[in-house]
Amino acid sequence: VQLQASGGGLVQAGGSLRLSCAASGLTFSNYVMGWFRQAPGKERKFVAAITGNGLRTYYTDSVKGRATVSRENAKNAVYLQMNDLKPEDTAVYYCAADLNYPSLMNIASNYWGQGTQVTVSS
């Protein structure tokens, strides 16, 4: 399984970014896809997730109303649109895959991709 996140960058507070994750080596529609982030010196934390059929989404409280997770199963891709970015959103963002949401939240069991750096300046 390979997951490759992209789309990060440097943005001013209040700006937007759209992160993408390309997946291969798995039956994509069978997997819950998630986004996590890790700030320097801190633990990796959950940001958002979407079920395999795209019908259900989950968000951590700090991004609700500012983030939208979506997927295109035909392209084996998942996205995270982040708006009204804040300096505290600065982190390396990772995409992850697992067969169900509870397992996805057990980060030790996930498939992980390389992250993409998001830096928000104040």
Protein backbone atom coordinates (compact mmCIF):
# COMPACT_ATOMS: atom_id res chain seq x y z
CA VAL A 1 0.00 0.00 0.00
CA GLN A 2 1.26 3.43 -0.92
CA LEU A 3 -0.23 6.74 0.14
CA GLN A 4 1.24 10.00 -1.08
CA ALA A 5 0.07 13.29 0.35
CA SER A 6 0.61 16.57 -1.45
CA GLY A 7 -0.64 20.14 -1.59
CA GLY A 8 0.94 21.59 1.51
CA GLY A 9 2.71 24.90 1.59
CA LEU A 10 3.13 28.24 3.29
CA VAL A 11 -0.03 30.28 3.65
CA GLN A 12 -1.07 33.34 5.62
CA ALA A 13 -3.60 33.07 8.40
CA GLY A 14 -7.09 33.13 6.95
CA GLY A 15 -5.98 31.46 3.75
CA SER A 16 -6.90 28.09 2.28
CA LEU A 17 -5.19 24.94 1.11
CA ARG A 18 -6.39 21.75 -0.52
CA LEU A 19 -4.43 18.66 0.39
CA SER A 20 -4.55 15.58 -1.79
CA CYS A 21 -3.64 11.98 -1.15
CA ALA A 22 -3.12 9.44 -3.90
CA ALA A 23 -3.51 5.81 -2.92
CA SER A 24 -2.36 2.62 -4.61
CA GLY A 25 -2.04 -1.04 -3.75
CA LEU A 26 -5.42 -1.34 -2.07
CA THR A 27 -9.07 -1.66 -2.99
CA PHE A 28 -9.62 2.00 -2.27
CA SER A 29 -13.37 2.03 -1.84
CA ASN A 30 -13.08 -0.58 0.93
CA TYR A 31 -11.06 1.75 3.12
CA VAL A 32 -11.88 4.56 5.46
CA MET A 33 -9.44 7.35 4.65
CA GLY A 34 -8.22 9.79 7.22
CA TRP A 35 -6.08 12.85 7.69
CA PHE A 36 -3.86 13.31 10.71
CA ARG A 37 -1.36 16.01 11.57
CA GLN A 38 1.73 16.28 13.68
CA ALA A 39 3.18 19.52 14.92
CA PRO A 40 6.84 19.70 15.97
CA GLY A 41 7.38 17.99 19.29
CA LYS A 42 3.78 16.83 19.52
CA GLU A 43 1.85 13.64 18.98
CA ARG A 44 0.18 12.80 15.71
CA LYS A 45 -3.48 13.77 15.97
CA PHE A 46 -6.64 13.03 14.06
CA VAL A 47 -8.04 15.73 11.78
CA ALA A 48 -10.72 14.21 9.56
CA ALA A 49 -11.93 10.96 8.02
CA ILE A 50 -14.33 9.74 5.38
CA THR A 51 -15.92 6.34 4.91
CA GLY A 52 -15.30 4.21 1.85
CA ASN A 53 -18.56 5.19 0.17
CA GLY A 54 -18.06 8.84 1.08
CA LEU A 55 -21.35 9.05 2.92
CA ARG A 56 -20.01 9.74 6.37
CA THR A 57 -17.34 12.14 7.53
CA TYR A 58 -15.67 12.82 10.84
CA TYR A 59 -13.79 15.88 12.08
CA THR A 60 -11.88 16.89 15.13
CA ASP A 61 -13.53 19.80 16.89
CA SER A 62 -10.78 22.30 16.10
CA VAL A 63 -11.38 22.07 12.33
CA LYS A 64 -15.17 21.69 12.20
CA GLY A 65 -16.62 24.34 9.94
CA ARG A 66 -13.22 25.03 8.37
CA ALA A 67 -12.34 21.68 6.83
CA THR A 68 -13.99 19.40 4.31
CA VAL A 69 -12.81 15.89 3.59
CA SER A 70 -13.84 14.27 0.31
CA ARG A 71 -12.81 11.43 -1.96
CA GLU A 72 -12.94 10.28 -5.54
CA ASN A 73 -12.92 6.50 -5.59
CA ALA A 74 -12.48 6.40 -9.35
CA LYS A 75 -9.17 8.21 -8.89
CA ASN A 76 -8.10 6.51 -5.65
CA ALA A 77 -7.82 9.95 -4.11
CA VAL A 78 -8.85 11.69 -0.93
CA TYR A 79 -8.77 15.41 -0.29
CA LEU A 80 -8.78 17.80 2.63
CA GLN A 81 -9.92 21.34 1.96
CA MET A 82 -8.83 23.64 4.78
CA ASN A 83 -10.17 27.19 5.00
CA ASP A 84 -9.60 30.04 7.42
CA LEU A 85 -6.26 28.52 8.33
CA LYS A 86 -4.76 29.43 11.68
CA PRO A 87 -1.15 29.32 12.90
CA GLU A 88 -2.11 26.40 15.14
CA ASP A 89 -2.90 24.40 12.00
CA THR A 90 0.81 24.35 11.22
CA ALA A 91 1.92 20.72 11.07
CA VAL A 92 2.90 17.89 8.80
CA TYR A 93 -0.30 16.41 7.44
CA TYR A 94 -0.53 12.68 6.77
CA CYS A 95 -3.15 10.59 5.08
CA ALA A 96 -3.99 7.18 6.44
CA ALA A 97 -6.11 4.19 5.50
CA ASP A 98 -7.82 1.50 7.48
CA LEU A 99 -10.76 -0.80 7.07
CA ASN A 100 -13.03 0.96 9.53
CA TYR A 101 -13.21 4.14 11.58
CA PRO A 102 -12.39 2.64 15.00
CA SER A 103 -9.31 0.99 13.53
CA LEU A 104 -8.31 4.22 11.81
CA MET A 105 -8.31 5.94 15.20
CA ASN A 106 -5.87 3.29 16.44
CA ILE A 107 -3.02 4.95 14.62
CA ALA A 108 -0.63 2.07 15.20
CA SER A 109 -2.59 -0.10 12.77
CA ASN A 110 -3.01 2.27 9.85
CA TYR A 111 -1.37 2.42 6.49
CA TRP A 112 0.47 5.75 6.38
CA GLY A 113 1.79 7.92 3.63
CA GLN A 114 4.54 10.48 3.66
CA GLY A 115 3.29 13.76 4.93
CA THR A 116 3.00 17.21 3.48
CA GLN A 117 4.03 20.30 5.42
CA VAL A 118 1.47 23.01 6.09
CA THR A 119 2.79 26.23 7.55
CA VAL A 120 0.44 29.05 8.48
CA SER A 121 1.97 32.42 9.18
CA SER A 122 0.29 34.97 11.41
